[in-house]
N, C-alpha and C. Protein backbone atom coordinates (compact mmCIF):
# COMPACT_ATOMS: atom_id res chain seq x y z
N MET A 1 85.11 66.49 -10.08
CA MET A 1 84.60 66.24 -11.41
C MET A 1 84.61 64.73 -11.65
N SER A 2 83.59 64.25 -12.31
CA SER A 2 83.49 62.82 -12.62
C SER A 2 83.56 62.60 -14.12
N GLU A 3 84.16 61.50 -14.49
CA GLU A 3 84.26 61.11 -15.89
C GLU A 3 83.66 59.71 -16.03
N ILE A 4 82.71 59.57 -16.95
CA ILE A 4 82.14 58.25 -17.21
C ILE A 4 83.15 57.47 -18.04
N LEU A 5 83.59 56.34 -17.49
CA LEU A 5 84.54 55.48 -18.18
C LEU A 5 83.83 54.46 -19.06
N GLY A 6 82.68 53.99 -18.59
CA GLY A 6 81.97 52.97 -19.34
C GLY A 6 80.51 52.91 -18.94
N LEU A 7 79.68 52.57 -19.91
CA LEU A 7 78.24 52.42 -19.70
C LEU A 7 77.82 51.09 -20.28
N GLY A 8 77.07 50.32 -19.52
CA GLY A 8 76.58 49.03 -20.01
C GLY A 8 75.10 48.88 -19.72
N HIS A 9 74.40 48.24 -20.62
CA HIS A 9 72.97 47.99 -20.45
C HIS A 9 72.69 46.57 -20.92
N ASP A 10 71.81 45.88 -20.23
CA ASP A 10 71.44 44.54 -20.64
C ASP A 10 69.97 44.28 -20.33
N VAL A 11 69.36 43.47 -21.16
CA VAL A 11 67.96 43.08 -21.00
C VAL A 11 67.91 41.56 -21.02
N VAL A 12 67.13 40.97 -20.10
CA VAL A 12 67.00 39.53 -19.99
C VAL A 12 65.54 39.15 -20.19
N ASP A 13 65.31 38.14 -21.02
CA ASP A 13 63.98 37.56 -21.20
C ASP A 13 63.71 36.68 -19.98
N VAL A 14 62.82 37.11 -19.12
CA VAL A 14 62.57 36.43 -17.85
C VAL A 14 62.05 35.01 -18.07
N ASP A 15 61.20 34.80 -19.07
CA ASP A 15 60.66 33.46 -19.32
C ASP A 15 61.77 32.48 -19.72
N ALA A 16 62.65 32.91 -20.62
CA ALA A 16 63.77 32.05 -21.04
C ALA A 16 64.72 31.81 -19.87
N PHE A 17 64.97 32.85 -19.07
CA PHE A 17 65.82 32.71 -17.90
C PHE A 17 65.21 31.70 -16.92
N SER A 18 63.91 31.79 -16.71
CA SER A 18 63.21 30.88 -15.80
C SER A 18 63.35 29.43 -16.26
N GLN A 19 63.23 29.19 -17.56
CA GLN A 19 63.37 27.83 -18.08
C GLN A 19 64.76 27.29 -17.78
N GLN A 20 65.79 28.11 -18.02
CA GLN A 20 67.16 27.68 -17.73
C GLN A 20 67.35 27.46 -16.23
N TRP A 21 66.82 28.36 -15.42
CA TRP A 21 66.95 28.31 -13.96
C TRP A 21 66.36 27.02 -13.38
N HIS A 22 65.23 26.60 -13.94
CA HIS A 22 64.50 25.46 -13.39
C HIS A 22 64.84 24.11 -14.04
N GLU A 23 65.70 24.09 -15.05
CA GLU A 23 66.11 22.81 -15.65
C GLU A 23 66.83 21.99 -14.59
N PRO A 24 66.53 20.69 -14.51
CA PRO A 24 67.17 19.84 -13.49
C PRO A 24 68.70 19.83 -13.56
N SER A 25 69.25 19.93 -14.75
CA SER A 25 70.72 19.89 -14.89
C SER A 25 71.33 21.28 -15.01
N SER A 26 70.56 22.31 -14.69
CA SER A 26 71.03 23.69 -14.86
C SER A 26 72.20 24.01 -13.93
N THR A 27 73.14 24.77 -14.47
CA THR A 27 74.26 25.26 -13.67
C THR A 27 74.14 26.77 -13.44
N MET A 28 72.97 27.32 -13.70
CA MET A 28 72.75 28.76 -13.57
C MET A 28 73.10 29.28 -12.18
N ARG A 29 72.73 28.53 -11.15
CA ARG A 29 72.98 29.00 -9.78
C ARG A 29 74.47 29.17 -9.50
N LYS A 30 75.32 28.42 -10.20
CA LYS A 30 76.76 28.53 -9.99
C LYS A 30 77.32 29.86 -10.50
N LEU A 31 76.54 30.58 -11.30
CA LEU A 31 76.97 31.87 -11.83
C LEU A 31 76.76 32.99 -10.81
N PHE A 32 76.14 32.65 -9.68
CA PHE A 32 75.84 33.62 -8.64
C PHE A 32 76.56 33.22 -7.35
N SER A 33 76.90 34.22 -6.56
CA SER A 33 77.52 33.94 -5.26
C SER A 33 76.45 33.47 -4.27
N VAL A 34 76.90 32.89 -3.18
CA VAL A 34 76.00 32.46 -2.12
C VAL A 34 75.22 33.66 -1.58
N ARG A 35 75.89 34.79 -1.44
CA ARG A 35 75.22 35.99 -0.92
C ARG A 35 74.13 36.47 -1.89
N GLU A 36 74.41 36.42 -3.19
CA GLU A 36 73.39 36.82 -4.16
C GLU A 36 72.18 35.90 -4.10
N LEU A 37 72.43 34.60 -4.05
CA LEU A 37 71.33 33.65 -4.00
C LEU A 37 70.49 33.86 -2.74
N ARG A 38 71.15 34.12 -1.63
CA ARG A 38 70.44 34.38 -0.37
C ARG A 38 69.56 35.62 -0.50
N GLN A 39 70.10 36.68 -1.10
CA GLN A 39 69.31 37.90 -1.26
C GLN A 39 68.14 37.68 -2.22
N CYS A 40 68.33 36.90 -3.27
CA CYS A 40 67.23 36.59 -4.19
C CYS A 40 66.11 35.86 -3.47
N THR A 41 66.47 34.89 -2.64
CA THR A 41 65.49 34.13 -1.86
C THR A 41 64.75 35.05 -0.89
N MET A 42 65.48 35.92 -0.21
CA MET A 42 64.87 36.84 0.75
C MET A 42 63.93 37.82 0.06
N ARG A 43 64.34 38.36 -1.09
CA ARG A 43 63.48 39.32 -1.82
C ARG A 43 62.23 38.62 -2.34
N ALA A 44 62.38 37.39 -2.81
CA ALA A 44 61.22 36.63 -3.30
C ALA A 44 60.22 36.40 -2.17
N ALA A 45 60.71 36.06 -0.98
CA ALA A 45 59.83 35.86 0.17
C ALA A 45 59.12 37.16 0.54
N LEU A 46 59.85 38.26 0.51
CA LEU A 46 59.29 39.57 0.85
C LEU A 46 58.23 40.01 -0.16
N LYS A 47 58.48 39.74 -1.44
CA LYS A 47 57.58 40.21 -2.50
C LYS A 47 56.58 39.15 -2.94
N HIS A 48 56.65 37.96 -2.35
CA HIS A 48 55.74 36.86 -2.68
C HIS A 48 55.81 36.50 -4.17
N ASP A 49 57.05 36.40 -4.67
CA ASP A 49 57.24 35.96 -6.05
C ASP A 49 58.38 34.94 -6.07
N ASP A 50 58.99 34.73 -7.20
CA ASP A 50 60.00 33.68 -7.35
C ASP A 50 61.40 34.26 -7.36
N GLU A 51 62.35 33.54 -6.77
CA GLU A 51 63.73 34.02 -6.72
C GLU A 51 64.35 34.21 -8.09
N PHE A 52 63.90 33.45 -9.10
CA PHE A 52 64.49 33.59 -10.42
C PHE A 52 64.25 34.99 -11.00
N LEU A 53 63.15 35.66 -10.60
CA LEU A 53 62.90 37.03 -11.07
C LEU A 53 64.01 37.96 -10.62
N HIS A 54 64.43 37.80 -9.38
CA HIS A 54 65.47 38.66 -8.82
C HIS A 54 66.84 38.25 -9.36
N ALA A 55 67.01 36.97 -9.60
CA ALA A 55 68.27 36.50 -10.21
C ALA A 55 68.39 37.01 -11.64
N ALA A 56 67.28 37.05 -12.38
CA ALA A 56 67.31 37.54 -13.77
C ALA A 56 67.76 39.00 -13.81
N ALA A 57 67.27 39.82 -12.89
CA ALA A 57 67.70 41.22 -12.84
C ALA A 57 69.18 41.32 -12.48
N ARG A 58 69.64 40.48 -11.56
CA ARG A 58 71.06 40.48 -11.20
C ARG A 58 71.93 39.98 -12.35
N TRP A 59 71.39 39.03 -13.12
CA TRP A 59 72.13 38.55 -14.29
C TRP A 59 72.29 39.70 -15.29
N ALA A 60 71.22 40.45 -15.52
CA ALA A 60 71.31 41.62 -16.40
C ALA A 60 72.36 42.59 -15.84
N GLY A 61 72.41 42.71 -14.51
CA GLY A 61 73.41 43.57 -13.88
C GLY A 61 74.83 43.11 -14.15
N LYS A 62 75.07 41.81 -14.03
CA LYS A 62 76.41 41.27 -14.30
C LYS A 62 76.81 41.53 -15.75
N GLU A 63 75.88 41.30 -16.66
CA GLU A 63 76.15 41.54 -18.09
C GLU A 63 76.44 43.02 -18.35
N SER A 64 75.68 43.91 -17.69
CA SER A 64 75.90 45.33 -17.91
C SER A 64 77.24 45.79 -17.32
N VAL A 65 77.68 45.16 -16.23
CA VAL A 65 79.00 45.46 -15.67
C VAL A 65 80.09 45.10 -16.68
N ILE A 66 79.99 43.91 -17.26
CA ILE A 66 80.99 43.50 -18.27
C ILE A 66 81.01 44.46 -19.45
N LYS A 67 79.84 44.89 -19.89
CA LYS A 67 79.76 45.82 -21.03
C LYS A 67 80.37 47.17 -20.69
N ALA A 68 80.09 47.68 -19.49
CA ALA A 68 80.67 48.96 -19.08
C ALA A 68 82.19 48.85 -18.94
N TRP A 69 82.65 47.75 -18.37
CA TRP A 69 84.09 47.52 -18.21
C TRP A 69 84.75 47.44 -19.58
N SER A 70 84.15 46.73 -20.51
CA SER A 70 84.71 46.61 -21.86
C SER A 70 84.81 47.97 -22.53
N GLU A 71 83.80 48.80 -22.33
CA GLU A 71 83.86 50.15 -22.91
C GLU A 71 84.98 50.96 -22.27
N ALA A 72 85.17 50.80 -20.97
CA ALA A 72 86.19 51.57 -20.25
C ALA A 72 87.60 51.25 -20.72
N ILE A 73 87.85 50.00 -21.10
CA ILE A 73 89.21 49.66 -21.53
C ILE A 73 89.39 49.87 -23.03
N ALA A 74 88.31 50.18 -23.73
CA ALA A 74 88.35 50.51 -25.16
C ALA A 74 89.19 49.51 -25.95
N ASP A 75 90.33 49.95 -26.45
CA ASP A 75 91.19 49.08 -27.26
C ASP A 75 92.23 48.33 -26.44
N GLY A 76 92.14 48.45 -25.12
CA GLY A 76 93.09 47.76 -24.25
C GLY A 76 92.86 46.26 -24.22
N THR A 77 93.70 45.57 -23.50
CA THR A 77 93.61 44.13 -23.40
C THR A 77 92.48 43.73 -22.47
N VAL A 78 91.61 42.88 -22.97
CA VAL A 78 90.50 42.37 -22.17
C VAL A 78 91.05 41.26 -21.27
N PRO A 79 90.79 41.32 -19.95
CA PRO A 79 91.38 40.36 -19.03
C PRO A 79 90.79 38.95 -19.11
N PHE A 80 89.68 38.77 -19.84
CA PHE A 80 89.08 37.44 -19.97
C PHE A 80 88.17 37.43 -21.19
N THR A 81 87.80 36.23 -21.60
CA THR A 81 86.86 36.07 -22.71
C THR A 81 85.47 35.86 -22.11
N ILE A 82 84.45 35.88 -22.92
CA ILE A 82 83.09 35.66 -22.44
C ILE A 82 82.95 34.29 -21.78
N ASP A 83 83.75 33.33 -22.23
CA ASP A 83 83.70 31.99 -21.65
C ASP A 83 84.50 31.85 -20.35
N SER A 84 85.36 32.82 -20.07
CA SER A 84 86.19 32.70 -18.86
C SER A 84 85.85 33.73 -17.78
N VAL A 85 84.78 34.47 -17.96
CA VAL A 85 84.37 35.45 -16.94
C VAL A 85 84.00 34.70 -15.66
N PRO A 86 84.60 35.08 -14.54
CA PRO A 86 84.20 34.47 -13.26
C PRO A 86 82.91 35.13 -12.75
N TRP A 87 81.78 34.72 -13.32
CA TRP A 87 80.50 35.39 -13.09
C TRP A 87 80.15 35.51 -11.61
N ASN A 88 80.46 34.48 -10.83
CA ASN A 88 80.07 34.54 -9.41
C ASN A 88 80.95 35.50 -8.60
N GLU A 89 82.00 36.05 -9.22
CA GLU A 89 82.83 37.06 -8.56
C GLU A 89 82.37 38.47 -8.89
N ILE A 90 81.38 38.60 -9.76
CA ILE A 90 80.72 39.87 -10.00
C ILE A 90 79.42 39.78 -9.22
N GLU A 91 79.41 40.37 -8.05
CA GLU A 91 78.22 40.28 -7.20
C GLU A 91 77.39 41.55 -7.34
N ILE A 92 76.10 41.35 -7.49
CA ILE A 92 75.15 42.45 -7.45
C ILE A 92 74.36 42.25 -6.16
N LEU A 93 74.71 43.04 -5.16
CA LEU A 93 74.14 42.87 -3.81
C LEU A 93 73.46 44.15 -3.36
N ASP A 94 72.35 43.98 -2.67
CA ASP A 94 71.65 45.13 -2.10
C ASP A 94 72.35 45.59 -0.83
N ASP A 95 72.42 46.91 -0.66
CA ASP A 95 72.95 47.43 0.59
C ASP A 95 71.84 47.42 1.65
N SER A 96 72.09 47.99 2.81
CA SER A 96 71.12 47.94 3.90
C SER A 96 69.82 48.69 3.59
N ARG A 97 69.83 49.51 2.57
CA ARG A 97 68.62 50.24 2.16
C ARG A 97 67.95 49.62 0.94
N GLY A 98 68.47 48.47 0.50
CA GLY A 98 67.89 47.80 -0.65
C GLY A 98 68.38 48.30 -2.00
N ARG A 99 69.41 49.14 -2.00
CA ARG A 99 69.96 49.67 -3.26
C ARG A 99 71.01 48.71 -3.79
N PRO A 100 70.94 48.35 -5.07
CA PRO A 100 71.93 47.42 -5.61
C PRO A 100 73.32 48.06 -5.70
N GLN A 101 74.32 47.24 -5.44
CA GLN A 101 75.72 47.65 -5.49
C GLN A 101 76.50 46.60 -6.29
N VAL A 102 77.57 47.02 -6.93
CA VAL A 102 78.48 46.09 -7.61
C VAL A 102 79.63 45.81 -6.67
N ILE A 103 79.85 44.53 -6.38
CA ILE A 103 80.97 44.09 -5.55
C ILE A 103 81.78 43.11 -6.38
N LEU A 104 83.03 43.46 -6.64
CA LEU A 104 83.91 42.56 -7.40
C LEU A 104 84.78 41.78 -6.44
N GLY A 105 84.97 40.48 -6.75
CA GLY A 105 85.91 39.67 -6.00
C GLY A 105 87.29 40.28 -6.11
N GLU A 106 88.17 39.94 -5.18
CA GLU A 106 89.48 40.58 -5.11
C GLU A 106 90.28 40.49 -6.41
N SER A 107 90.36 39.31 -7.01
CA SER A 107 91.15 39.18 -8.24
C SER A 107 90.51 39.96 -9.39
N LEU A 108 89.19 39.99 -9.42
CA LEU A 108 88.48 40.75 -10.46
C LEU A 108 88.69 42.25 -10.26
N ALA A 109 88.64 42.70 -9.01
CA ALA A 109 88.87 44.12 -8.71
C ALA A 109 90.29 44.53 -9.12
N GLN A 110 91.25 43.65 -8.89
CA GLN A 110 92.63 43.93 -9.30
C GLN A 110 92.74 43.99 -10.83
N SER A 111 92.04 43.10 -11.52
CA SER A 111 92.03 43.12 -12.99
C SER A 111 91.44 44.43 -13.50
N LEU A 112 90.36 44.87 -12.87
CA LEU A 112 89.74 46.14 -13.26
C LEU A 112 90.72 47.28 -13.06
N THR A 113 91.35 47.34 -11.91
CA THR A 113 92.30 48.41 -11.60
C THR A 113 93.45 48.42 -12.62
N ARG A 114 93.98 47.26 -12.96
CA ARG A 114 95.06 47.18 -13.95
C ARG A 114 94.57 47.64 -15.33
N SER A 115 93.37 47.25 -15.70
CA SER A 115 92.89 47.54 -17.06
C SER A 115 92.54 49.02 -17.27
N ILE A 116 92.28 49.74 -16.19
CA ILE A 116 91.98 51.17 -16.32
C ILE A 116 92.95 51.99 -15.47
N ALA A 117 94.19 51.53 -15.37
CA ALA A 117 95.19 52.05 -14.43
C ALA A 117 95.27 53.58 -14.38
N ALA A 118 95.25 54.23 -15.49
CA ALA A 118 95.42 55.69 -15.49
C ALA A 118 94.20 56.41 -14.92
N ARG A 119 93.09 55.68 -14.79
CA ARG A 119 91.86 56.34 -14.35
C ARG A 119 91.29 55.71 -13.08
N SER A 120 92.16 55.14 -12.26
CA SER A 120 91.71 54.57 -10.99
C SER A 120 91.76 55.66 -9.94
N PRO A 121 91.00 55.62 -8.88
CA PRO A 121 89.99 54.62 -8.58
C PRO A 121 88.69 54.89 -9.34
N ALA A 122 87.92 53.85 -9.50
CA ALA A 122 86.65 53.96 -10.21
C ALA A 122 85.53 53.47 -9.31
N THR A 123 84.35 53.97 -9.56
CA THR A 123 83.18 53.63 -8.77
C THR A 123 82.08 53.12 -9.70
N TRP A 124 81.37 52.10 -9.25
CA TRP A 124 80.25 51.55 -10.01
C TRP A 124 78.94 52.17 -9.55
N HIS A 125 78.06 52.42 -10.51
CA HIS A 125 76.66 52.77 -10.26
C HIS A 125 75.83 51.77 -11.05
N ILE A 126 74.78 51.24 -10.44
CA ILE A 126 73.97 50.24 -11.13
C ILE A 126 72.50 50.41 -10.76
N SER A 127 71.65 50.13 -11.73
CA SER A 127 70.21 50.15 -11.52
C SER A 127 69.64 48.88 -12.13
N LEU A 128 68.77 48.21 -11.38
CA LEU A 128 68.13 46.98 -11.82
C LEU A 128 66.62 47.17 -11.87
N SER A 129 65.97 46.44 -12.78
CA SER A 129 64.52 46.50 -12.85
C SER A 129 63.99 45.22 -13.47
N HIS A 130 62.79 44.84 -13.09
CA HIS A 130 62.11 43.76 -13.80
C HIS A 130 60.63 44.06 -13.81
N ASP A 131 60.01 43.81 -14.96
CA ASP A 131 58.59 44.06 -15.13
C ASP A 131 58.07 43.05 -16.14
N GLY A 132 57.15 42.22 -15.68
CA GLY A 132 56.59 41.22 -16.58
C GLY A 132 57.67 40.28 -17.09
N SER A 133 57.82 40.21 -18.38
CA SER A 133 58.75 39.25 -18.98
C SER A 133 60.13 39.83 -19.26
N ILE A 134 60.42 41.01 -18.72
CA ILE A 134 61.72 41.66 -18.99
C ILE A 134 62.40 42.03 -17.68
N ALA A 135 63.69 41.72 -17.60
CA ALA A 135 64.57 42.22 -16.54
C ALA A 135 65.63 43.07 -17.22
N SER A 136 66.02 44.13 -16.58
CA SER A 136 66.94 45.07 -17.22
C SER A 136 67.90 45.63 -16.18
N ALA A 137 69.07 46.04 -16.66
CA ALA A 137 70.05 46.69 -15.78
C ALA A 137 70.90 47.66 -16.58
N VAL A 138 71.33 48.70 -15.89
CA VAL A 138 72.27 49.67 -16.44
C VAL A 138 73.40 49.81 -15.44
N ALA A 139 74.63 49.74 -15.92
CA ALA A 139 75.81 49.93 -15.07
C ALA A 139 76.67 51.04 -15.65
N ILE A 140 77.18 51.88 -14.77
CA ILE A 140 78.06 52.97 -15.18
C ILE A 140 79.32 52.88 -14.32
N LEU A 141 80.46 52.93 -14.97
CA LEU A 141 81.76 52.95 -14.29
C LEU A 141 82.27 54.39 -14.37
N VAL A 142 82.50 54.99 -13.20
CA VAL A 142 82.84 56.41 -13.12
C VAL A 142 84.19 56.59 -12.43
N HIS A 143 84.97 57.52 -12.96
CA HIS A 143 86.22 57.94 -12.31
C HIS A 143 85.97 59.33 -11.74
N SER A 144 86.26 59.50 -10.47
CA SER A 144 86.11 60.81 -9.84
C SER A 144 87.49 61.40 -9.59
N SER A 145 87.67 62.63 -10.01
CA SER A 145 88.95 63.31 -9.77
C SER A 145 88.71 64.53 -8.90
N ASP A 146 89.76 65.02 -8.28
CA ASP A 146 89.66 66.17 -7.38
C ASP A 146 90.05 67.48 -8.07
N HIS A 147 90.01 67.51 -9.39
CA HIS A 147 90.43 68.73 -10.12
C HIS A 147 89.43 69.84 -9.95
């Protein structure tokens, strides 16, 4: 049996994201891991479009992960503020079949486990999309039990 611990959804304005991405002094790329940036570049080459489109969808994914996690801990202690989230440790990476996966850095994974201790282990499900000027993502944090 599975229990949904948290659900998060986020929408990104692709045009506004593109402007931030392409600003000469932008630090947007620092919010992504090297592996994420590499996958964005590879997908852009494959689809003959721009890497920022794929980064925008991954950004929506990161935001939806935070929202789902926040819902899962409900009234519990939040391990960080919006200004202290280690964004590049929340990786949205495609598996070998091109399906997006949530990969948390070790310290972030430990924070998640502590914050939902009674309901560990938990599994992430995520879906990303972009169409025209909108990128979107939905993340679900699920606890599976053997009852």
